[in-house]
Amino acid sequence: MRCVIARFPFELTKAGVLESMKGVKPEPAVGDVVVIGRRQFPVKQVGEVVTRQDRRDFSAGEVVRAMTKLGFTCLTVPAEQPSDTTF
């Protein structure tokens, strides 16, 4: 599938993304994440690995759109709220 991320065209396939992410350790998942296999990766980490661009060069929305079109599940993981144990 052809997609444009950070104004650059990429020819991405689901198999290609799976191969690129093989052996990559997921960073802590907060905010938008992509489910690849049984693991959740932050979308910016996936975009950086797949496109080999700096993650500041593209938006999370661009990667979410591309991964969704390829058939990956994209979720939003809320940040954990600190528990207030004082009464």
PDB file of N, CA and C in Angstrom:
ATOM      1  N   MET A   1       0.835  -1.163   0.000  1.00  0.00           N
ATOM      2  CA  MET A   1       0.000   0.000   0.000  1.00  0.00           C
ATOM      3  C   MET A   1       0.891   1.241   0.000  1.00  0.00           C
ATOM      4  N   ARG A   2       0.579   2.151  -0.835  1.00  0.00           N
ATOM      5  CA  ARG A   2       1.336   3.400  -0.901  1.00  0.00           C
ATOM      6  C   ARG A   2       0.730   4.393   0.088  1.00  0.00           C
ATOM      7  N   CYS A   3       1.575   5.008   0.891  1.00  0.00           N
ATOM      8  CA  CYS A   3       1.116   6.034   1.814  1.00  0.00           C
ATOM      9  C   CYS A   3       2.179   7.116   1.911  1.00  0.00           C
ATOM     10  N   VAL A   4       1.753   8.286   2.348  1.00  0.00           N
ATOM     11  CA  VAL A   4       2.665   9.413   2.500  1.00  0.00           C
ATOM     12  C   VAL A   4       2.773   9.734   3.982  1.00  0.00           C
ATOM     13  N   ILE A   5       3.999   9.715   4.478  1.00  0.00           N
ATOM     14  CA  ILE A   5       4.273  10.059   5.870  1.00  0.00           C
ATOM     15  C   ILE A   5       5.368  11.112   5.850  1.00  0.00           C
ATOM     16  N   ALA A   6       5.097  12.253   6.474  1.00  0.00           N
ATOM     17  CA  ALA A   6       6.035  13.375   6.508  1.00  0.00           C
ATOM     18  C   ALA A   6       6.439  13.802   5.096  1.00  0.00           C
ATOM     19  N   ARG A   7       5.462  13.837   4.210  1.00  0.00           N
ATOM     20  CA  ARG A   7       5.637  14.269   2.812  1.00  0.00           C
ATOM     21  C   ARG A   7       6.504  13.338   1.975  1.00  0.00           C
ATOM     22  N   PHE A   8       6.817  12.152   2.481  1.00  0.00           N
ATOM     23  CA  PHE A   8       7.593  11.184   1.710  1.00  0.00           C
ATOM     24  C   PHE A   8       6.716   9.969   1.406  1.00  0.00           C
ATOM     25  N   PRO A   9       6.721   9.488   0.161  1.00  0.00           N
ATOM     26  CA  PRO A   9       5.914   8.311  -0.171  1.00  0.00           C
ATOM     27  C   PRO A   9       6.601   7.014   0.283  1.00  0.00           C
ATOM     28  N   PHE A  10       5.800   6.099   0.803  1.00  0.00           N
ATOM     29  CA  PHE A  10       6.297   4.792   1.232  1.00  0.00           C
ATOM     30  C   PHE A  10       5.385   3.716   0.678  1.00  0.00           C
ATOM     31  N   GLU A  11       5.970   2.607   0.310  1.00  0.00           N
ATOM     32  CA  GLU A  11       5.221   1.429  -0.124  1.00  0.00           C
ATOM     33  C   GLU A  11       5.273   0.440   1.035  1.00  0.00           C
ATOM     34  N   LEU A  12       4.218   0.407   1.840  1.00  0.00           N
ATOM     35  CA  LEU A  12       4.195  -0.428   3.033  1.00  0.00           C
ATOM     36  C   LEU A  12       3.295  -1.642   2.835  1.00  0.00           C
ATOM     37  N   THR A  13       3.697  -2.758   3.432  1.00  0.00           N
ATOM     38  CA  THR A  13       2.862  -3.955   3.463  1.00  0.00           C
ATOM     39  C   THR A  13       2.790  -4.429   4.907  1.00  0.00           C
ATOM     40  N   LYS A  14       1.751  -5.174   5.211  1.00  0.00           N
ATOM     41  CA  LYS A  14       1.602  -5.697   6.572  1.00  0.00           C
ATOM     42  C   LYS A  14       2.776  -6.612   6.905  1.00  0.00           C
ATOM     43  N   ALA A  15       3.177  -7.461   5.964  1.00  0.00           N
ATOM     44  CA  ALA A  15       4.310  -8.364   6.189  1.00  0.00           C
ATOM     45  C   ALA A  15       5.599  -7.576   6.394  1.00  0.00           C
ATOM     46  N   GLY A  16       5.762  -6.485   5.666  1.00  0.00           N
ATOM     47  CA  GLY A  16       6.954  -5.662   5.809  1.00  0.00           C
ATOM     48  C   GLY A  16       7.034  -4.994   7.169  1.00  0.00           C
ATOM     49  N   VAL A  17       5.883  -4.523   7.667  1.00  0.00           N
ATOM     50  CA  VAL A  17       5.849  -3.912   8.990  1.00  0.00           C
ATOM     51  C   VAL A  17       6.158  -4.963  10.054  1.00  0.00           C
ATOM     52  N   LEU A  18       5.559  -6.142   9.925  1.00  0.00           N
ATOM     53  CA  LEU A  18       5.829  -7.220  10.885  1.00  0.00           C
ATOM     54  C   LEU A  18       7.313  -7.575  10.907  1.00  0.00           C
ATOM     55  N   GLU A  19       7.924  -7.645   9.749  1.00  0.00           N
ATOM     56  CA  GLU A  19       9.350  -7.973   9.653  1.00  0.00           C
ATOM     57  C   GLU A  19      10.207  -6.863  10.263  1.00  0.00           C
ATOM     58  N   SER A  20       9.851  -5.621   9.996  1.00  0.00           N
ATOM     59  CA  SER A  20      10.615  -4.488  10.536  1.00  0.00           C
ATOM     60  C   SER A  20      10.550  -4.435  12.057  1.00  0.00           C
ATOM     61  N   MET A  21       9.405  -4.801  12.631  1.00  0.00           N
ATOM     62  CA  MET A  21       9.218  -4.692  14.075  1.00  0.00           C
ATOM     63  C   MET A  21       9.670  -5.943  14.827  1.00  0.00           C
ATOM     64  N   LYS A  22      10.055  -6.970  14.073  1.00  0.00           N
ATOM     65  CA  LYS A  22      10.523  -8.201  14.709  1.00  0.00           C
ATOM     66  C   LYS A  22      11.801  -7.899  15.493  1.00  0.00           C
ATOM     67  N   GLY A  23      11.826  -8.291  16.754  1.00  0.00           N
ATOM     68  CA  GLY A  23      13.001  -8.092  17.595  1.00  0.00           C
ATOM     69  C   GLY A  23      13.114  -6.714  18.212  1.00  0.00           C
ATOM     70  N   VAL A  24      12.151  -5.825  17.938  1.00  0.00           N
ATOM     71  CA  VAL A  24      12.170  -4.485  18.516  1.00  0.00           C
ATOM     72  C   VAL A  24      11.425  -4.524  19.851  1.00  0.00           C
ATOM     73  N   LYS A  25      12.050  -4.012  20.895  1.00  0.00           N
ATOM     74  CA  LYS A  25      11.434  -3.989  22.216  1.00  0.00           C
ATOM     75  C   LYS A  25      10.500  -2.784  22.309  1.00  0.00           C
ATOM     76  N   PRO A  26       9.238  -3.010  22.689  1.00  0.00           N
ATOM     77  CA  PRO A  26       8.294  -1.889  22.773  1.00  0.00           C
ATOM     78  C   PRO A  26       8.679  -0.912  23.886  1.00  0.00           C
ATOM     79  N   GLU A  27       8.559   0.368  23.583  1.00  0.00           N
ATOM     80  CA  GLU A  27       8.720   1.393  24.600  1.00  0.00           C
ATOM     81  C   GLU A  27       7.443   1.419  25.431  1.00  0.00           C
ATOM     82  N   PRO A  28       7.447   2.073  26.593  1.00  0.00           N
ATOM     83  CA  PRO A  28       6.205   2.164  27.380  1.00  0.00           C
ATOM     84  C   PRO A  28       5.080   2.763  26.537  1.00  0.00           C
ATOM     85  N   ALA A  29       3.960   2.090  26.546  1.00  0.00           N
ATOM     86  CA  ALA A  29       2.842   2.478  25.682  1.00  0.00           C
ATOM     87  C   ALA A  29       1.895   3.418  26.424  1.00  0.00           C
ATOM     88  N   VAL A  30       1.897   4.676  26.006  1.00  0.00           N
ATOM     89  CA  VAL A  30       0.970   5.679  26.517  1.00  0.00           C
ATOM     90  C   VAL A  30       0.519   6.507  25.323  1.00  0.00           C
ATOM     91  N   GLY A  31      -0.754   6.788  25.258  1.00  0.00           N
ATOM     92  CA  GLY A  31      -1.283   7.534  24.115  1.00  0.00           C
ATOM     93  C   GLY A  31      -1.664   6.584  22.994  1.00  0.00           C
ATOM     94  N   ASP A  32      -1.383   6.960  21.761  1.00  0.00           N
ATOM     95  CA  ASP A  32      -1.737   6.134  20.606  1.00  0.00           C
ATOM     96  C   ASP A  32      -0.754   4.977  20.458  1.00  0.00           C
ATOM     97  N   VAL A  33      -1.293   3.772  20.319  1.00  0.00           N
ATOM     98  CA  VAL A  33      -0.455   2.582  20.170  1.00  0.00           C
ATOM     99  C   VAL A  33      -0.950   1.736  19.004  1.00  0.00           C
ATOM    100  N   VAL A  34      -0.042   0.926  18.468  1.00  0.00           N
ATOM    101  CA  VAL A  34      -0.360  -0.032  17.411  1.00  0.00           C
ATOM    102  C   VAL A  34      -0.133  -1.417  17.988  1.00  0.00           C
ATOM    103  N   VAL A  35      -1.099  -2.303  17.819  1.00  0.00           N
ATOM    104  CA  VAL A  35      -0.960  -3.671  18.285  1.00  0.00           C
ATOM    105  C   VAL A  35      -0.333  -4.480  17.155  1.00  0.00           C
ATOM    106  N   ILE A  36       0.873  -4.991  17.415  1.00  0.00           N
ATOM    107  CA  ILE A  36       1.587  -5.807  16.437  1.00  0.00           C
ATOM    108  C   ILE A  36       1.899  -7.126  17.126  1.00  0.00           C
ATOM    109  N   GLY A  37       1.282  -8.171  16.627  1.00  0.00           N
ATOM    110  CA  GLY A  37       1.392  -9.464  17.313  1.00  0.00           C
ATOM    111  C   GLY A  37       0.630  -9.369  18.629  1.00  0.00           C
ATOM    112  N   ARG A  38       1.317  -9.671  19.719  1.00  0.00           N
ATOM    113  CA  ARG A  38       0.696  -9.564  21.037  1.00  0.00           C
ATOM    114  C   ARG A  38       1.220  -8.369  21.817  1.00  0.00           C
ATOM    115  N   ARG A  39       1.972  -7.502  21.141  1.00  0.00           N
ATOM    116  CA  ARG A  39       2.586  -6.374  21.840  1.00  0.00           C
ATOM    117  C   ARG A  39       2.014  -5.045  21.359  1.00  0.00           C
ATOM    118  N   GLN A  40       2.048  -4.055  22.241  1.00  0.00           N
ATOM    119  CA  GLN A  40       1.588  -2.718  21.915  1.00  0.00           C
ATOM    120  C   GLN A  40       2.794  -1.793  21.798  1.00  0.00           C
ATOM    121  N   PHE A  41       2.916  -1.164  20.640  1.00  0.00           N
ATOM    122  CA  PHE A  41       4.008  -0.238  20.378  1.00  0.00           C
ATOM    123  C   PHE A  41       3.453   1.178  20.250  1.00  0.00           C
ATOM    124  N   PRO A  42       4.129   2.187  20.803  1.00  0.00           N
ATOM    125  CA  PRO A  42       3.718   3.564  20.531  1.00  0.00           C
ATOM    126  C   PRO A  42       3.805   3.833  19.018  1.00  0.00           C
ATOM    127  N   VAL A  43       2.831   4.562  18.488  1.00  0.00           N
ATOM    128  CA  VAL A  43       2.807   4.780  17.039  1.00  0.00           C
ATOM    129  C   VAL A  43       4.052   5.508  16.552  1.00  0.00           C
ATOM    130  N   LYS A  44       4.593   6.398  17.347  1.00  0.00           N
ATOM    131  CA  LYS A  44       5.799   7.124  16.933  1.00  0.00           C
ATOM    132  C   LYS A  44       6.986   6.168  16.810  1.00  0.00           C
ATOM    133  N   GLN A  45       7.074   5.153  17.692  1.00  0.00           N
ATOM    134  CA  GLN A  45       8.156   4.177  17.597  1.00  0.00           C
ATOM    135  C   GLN A  45       8.009   3.360  16.318  1.00  0.00           C
ATOM    136  N   VAL A  46       6.795   2.935  16.012  1.00  0.00           N
ATOM    137  CA  VAL A  46       6.548   2.165  14.787  1.00  0.00           C
ATOM    138  C   VAL A  46       6.891   3.008  13.564  1.00  0.00           C
ATOM    139  N   GLY A  47       6.440   4.257  13.541  1.00  0.00           N
ATOM    140  CA  GLY A  47       6.736   5.135  12.420  1.00  0.00           C
ATOM    141  C   GLY A  47       8.220   5.341  12.224  1.00  0.00           C
ATOM    142  N   GLU A  48       8.954   5.478  13.321  1.00  0.00           N
ATOM    143  CA  GLU A  48      10.401   5.685  13.231  1.00  0.00           C
ATOM    144  C   GLU A  48      11.102   4.452  12.670  1.00  0.00           C
ATOM    145  N   VAL A  49      10.694   3.267  13.124  1.00  0.00           N
ATOM    146  CA  VAL A  49      11.334   2.035  12.658  1.00  0.00           C
ATOM    147  C   VAL A  49      10.991   1.769  11.188  1.00  0.00           C
ATOM    148  N   VAL A  50       9.731   1.923  10.840  1.00  0.00           N
ATOM    149  CA  VAL A  50       9.275   1.581   9.489  1.00  0.00           C
ATOM    150  C   VAL A  50       9.780   2.576   8.437  1.00  0.00           C
ATOM    151  N   THR A  51       9.775   3.875   8.776  1.00  0.00           N
ATOM    152  CA  THR A  51      10.150   4.884   7.785  1.00  0.00           C
ATOM    153  C   THR A  51      11.625   5.296   7.878  1.00  0.00           C
ATOM    154  N   ARG A  52      12.285   4.954   8.975  1.00  0.00           N
ATOM    155  CA  ARG A  52      13.673   5.367   9.244  1.00  0.00           C
ATOM    156  C   ARG A  52      13.806   6.897   9.294  1.00  0.00           C
ATOM    157  N   GLN A  53      12.738   7.550   9.711  1.00  0.00           N
ATOM    158  CA  GLN A  53      12.752   8.999   9.891  1.00  0.00           C
ATOM    159  C   GLN A  53      12.734   9.317  11.373  1.00  0.00           C
ATOM    160  N   ASP A  54      13.169  10.507  11.709  1.00  0.00           N
ATOM    161  CA  ASP A  54      13.088  10.969  13.084  1.00  0.00           C
ATOM    162  C   ASP A  54      11.615  11.125  13.443  1.00  0.00           C
ATOM    163  N   ARG A  55      11.241  10.716  14.637  1.00  0.00           N
ATOM    164  CA  ARG A  55       9.824  10.747  15.015  1.00  0.00           C
ATOM    165  C   ARG A  55       9.268  12.166  15.140  1.00  0.00           C
ATOM    166  N   ARG A  56      10.120  13.165  15.161  1.00  0.00           N
ATOM    167  CA  ARG A  56       9.641  14.552  15.182  1.00  0.00           C
ATOM    168  C   ARG A  56       9.184  15.012  13.805  1.00  0.00           C
ATOM    169  N   ASP A  57       9.502  14.238  12.762  1.00  0.00           N
ATOM    170  CA  ASP A  57       9.187  14.640  11.391  1.00  0.00           C
ATOM    171  C   ASP A  57       7.775  14.271  10.938  1.00  0.00           C
ATOM    172  N   PHE A  58       7.077  13.439  11.697  1.00  0.00           N
ATOM    173  CA  PHE A  58       5.733  13.021  11.294  1.00  0.00           C
ATOM    174  C   PHE A  58       4.801  13.045  12.498  1.00  0.00           C
ATOM    175  N   SER A  59       3.515  13.033  12.219  1.00  0.00           N
ATOM    176  CA  SER A  59       2.526  13.030  13.299  1.00  0.00           C
ATOM    177  C   SER A  59       2.072  11.607  13.596  1.00  0.00           C
ATOM    178  N   ALA A  60       1.555  11.431  14.798  1.00  0.00           N
ATOM    179  CA  ALA A  60       1.014  10.123  15.173  1.00  0.00           C
ATOM    180  C   ALA A  60      -0.167   9.769  14.273  1.00  0.00           C
ATOM    181  N   GLY A  61      -0.950  10.770  13.877  1.00  0.00           N
ATOM    182  CA  GLY A  61      -2.113  10.530  13.029  1.00  0.00           C
ATOM    183  C   GLY A  61      -1.749   9.934  11.679  1.00  0.00           C
ATOM    184  N   GLU A  62      -0.635  10.363  11.112  1.00  0.00           N
ATOM    185  CA  GLU A  62      -0.199   9.814   9.826  1.00  0.00           C
ATOM    186  C   GLU A  62       0.088   8.324   9.950  1.00  0.00           C
ATOM    187  N   VAL A  63       0.750   7.944  11.027  1.00  0.00           N
ATOM    188  CA  VAL A  63       1.098   6.532  11.228  1.00  0.00           C
ATOM    189  C   VAL A  63      -0.147   5.722  11.560  1.00  0.00           C
ATOM    190  N   VAL A  64      -1.036   6.276  12.385  1.00  0.00           N
ATOM    191  CA  VAL A  64      -2.283   5.574  12.725  1.00  0.00           C
ATOM    192  C   VAL A  64      -3.089   5.289  11.465  1.00  0.00           C
ATOM    193  N   ARG A  65      -3.217   6.269  10.585  1.00  0.00           N
ATOM    194  CA  ARG A  65      -3.963   6.054   9.327  1.00  0.00           C
ATOM    195  C   ARG A  65      -3.331   4.951   8.485  1.00  0.00           C
ATOM    196  N   ALA A  66      -2.012   4.986   8.357  1.00  0.00           N
ATOM    197  CA  ALA A  66      -1.324   3.978   7.542  1.00  0.00           C
ATOM    198  C   ALA A  66      -1.470   2.581   8.150  1.00  0.00           C
ATOM    199  N   MET A  67      -1.275   2.466   9.465  1.00  0.00           N
ATOM    200  CA  MET A  67      -1.350   1.153  10.117  1.00  0.00           C
ATOM    201  C   MET A  67      -2.775   0.606  10.092  1.00  0.00           C
ATOM    202  N   THR A  68      -3.767   1.482  10.237  1.00  0.00           N
ATOM    203  CA  THR A  68      -5.165   1.050  10.172  1.00  0.00           C
ATOM    204  C   THR A  68      -5.496   0.529   8.778  1.00  0.00           C
ATOM    205  N   LYS A  69      -5.028   1.222   7.741  1.00  0.00           N
ATOM    206  CA  LYS A  69      -5.276   0.765   6.365  1.00  0.00           C
ATOM    207  C   LYS A  69      -4.611  -0.579   6.094  1.00  0.00           C
ATOM    208  N   LEU A  70      -3.481  -0.846   6.781  1.00  0.00           N
ATOM    209  CA  LEU A  70      -2.803  -2.129   6.600  1.00  0.00           C
ATOM    210  C   LEU A  70      -3.460  -3.251   7.403  1.00  0.00           C
ATOM    211  N   GLY A  71      -4.409  -2.905   8.279  1.00  0.00           N
ATOM    212  CA  GLY A  71      -5.133  -3.923   9.036  1.00  0.00           C
ATOM    213  C   GLY A  71      -4.671  -4.096  10.467  1.00  0.00           C
ATOM    214  N   PHE A  72      -3.806  -3.217  10.950  1.00  0.00           N
ATOM    215  CA  PHE A  72      -3.372  -3.289  12.344  1.00  0.00           C
ATOM    216  C   PHE A  72      -4.387  -2.573  13.227  1.00  0.00           C
ATOM    217  N   THR A  73      -4.499  -3.022  14.471  1.00  0.00           N
ATOM    218  CA  THR A  73      -5.374  -2.382  15.441  1.00  0.00           C
ATOM    219  C   THR A  73      -4.629  -1.234  16.108  1.00  0.00           C
ATOM    220  N   CYS A  74      -5.249  -0.084  16.142  1.00  0.00           N
ATOM    221  CA  CYS A  74      -4.666   1.093  16.795  1.00  0.00           C
ATOM    222  C   CYS A  74      -5.580   1.495  17.943  1.00  0.00           C
ATOM    223  N   LEU A  75      -4.998   1.757  19.093  1.00  0.00           N
ATOM    224  CA  LEU A  75      -5.741   2.093  20.305  1.00  0.00           C
ATOM    225  C   LEU A  75      -5.167   3.340  20.944  1.00  0.00           C
ATOM    226  N   THR A  76      -5.928   3.916  21.866  1.00  0.00           N
ATOM    227  CA  THR A  76      -5.419   4.993  22.700  1.00  0.00           C
ATOM    228  C   THR A  76      -5.362   4.469  24.127  1.00  0.00           C
ATOM    229  N   VAL A  77      -4.168   4.444  24.690  1.00  0.00           N
ATOM    230  CA  VAL A  77      -3.959   3.958  26.049  1.00  0.00           C
ATOM    231  C   VAL A  77      -3.842   5.173  26.956  1.00  0.00           C
ATOM    232  N   PRO A  78      -4.745   5.289  27.950  1.00  0.00           N
ATOM    233  CA  PRO A  78      -4.666   6.448  28.840  1.00  0.00           C
ATOM    234  C   PRO A  78      -3.456   6.355  29.766  1.00  0.00           C
ATOM    235  N   ALA A  79      -2.928   7.520  30.121  1.00  0.00           N
ATOM    236  CA  ALA A  79      -1.825   7.557  31.085  1.00  0.00           C
ATOM    237  C   ALA A  79      -2.368   7.169  32.449  1.00  0.00           C
ATOM    238  N   GLU A  80      -1.589   6.419  33.194  1.00  0.00           N
ATOM    239  CA  GLU A  80      -2.031   6.012  34.521  1.00  0.00           C
ATOM    240  C   GLU A  80      -2.063   7.215  35.445  1.00  0.00           C
ATOM    241  N   GLN A  81      -3.149   7.321  36.175  1.00  0.00           N
ATOM    242  CA  GLN A  81      -3.289   8.406  37.137  1.00  0.00           C
ATOM    243  C   GLN A  81      -2.626   7.993  38.454  1.00  0.00           C
ATOM    244  N   PRO A  82      -1.855   8.870  39.054  1.00  0.00           N
ATOM    245  CA  PRO A  82      -1.253   8.513  40.348  1.00  0.00           C
ATOM    246  C   PRO A  82      -2.347   8.369  41.400  1.00  0.00           C
ATOM    247  N   SER A  83      -2.272   7.321  42.180  1.00  0.00           N
ATOM    248  CA  SER A  83      -3.289   7.097  43.198  1.00  0.00           C
ATOM    249  C   SER A  83      -2.977   7.969  44.413  1.00  0.00           C
ATOM    250  N   ASP A  84      -3.984   8.642  44.880  1.00  0.00           N
ATOM    251  CA  ASP A  84      -3.847   9.515  46.042  1.00  0.00           C
ATOM    252  C   ASP A  84      -4.285   8.734  47.255  1.00  0.00           C
ATOM    253  N   THR A  85      -3.359   8.354  48.093  1.00  0.00           N
ATOM    254  CA  THR A  85      -3.684   7.533  49.249  1.00  0.00           C
ATOM    255  C   THR A  85      -3.841   8.346  50.524  1.00  0.00           C
ATOM    256  N   THR A  86      -3.771   9.672  50.438  1.00  0.00           N
ATOM    257  CA  THR A  86      -3.960  10.494  51.620  1.00  0.00           C
ATOM    258  C   THR A  86      -5.441  10.744  51.822  1.00  0.00           C
ATOM    259  N   PHE A  87      -5.846  10.738  53.061  1.00  0.00           N
ATOM    260  CA  PHE A  87      -7.267  10.921  53.384  1.00  0.00           C
ATOM    261  C   PHE A  87      -7.465  12.164  54.180  1.00  0.00           C
TER     262      PHE A  87
END
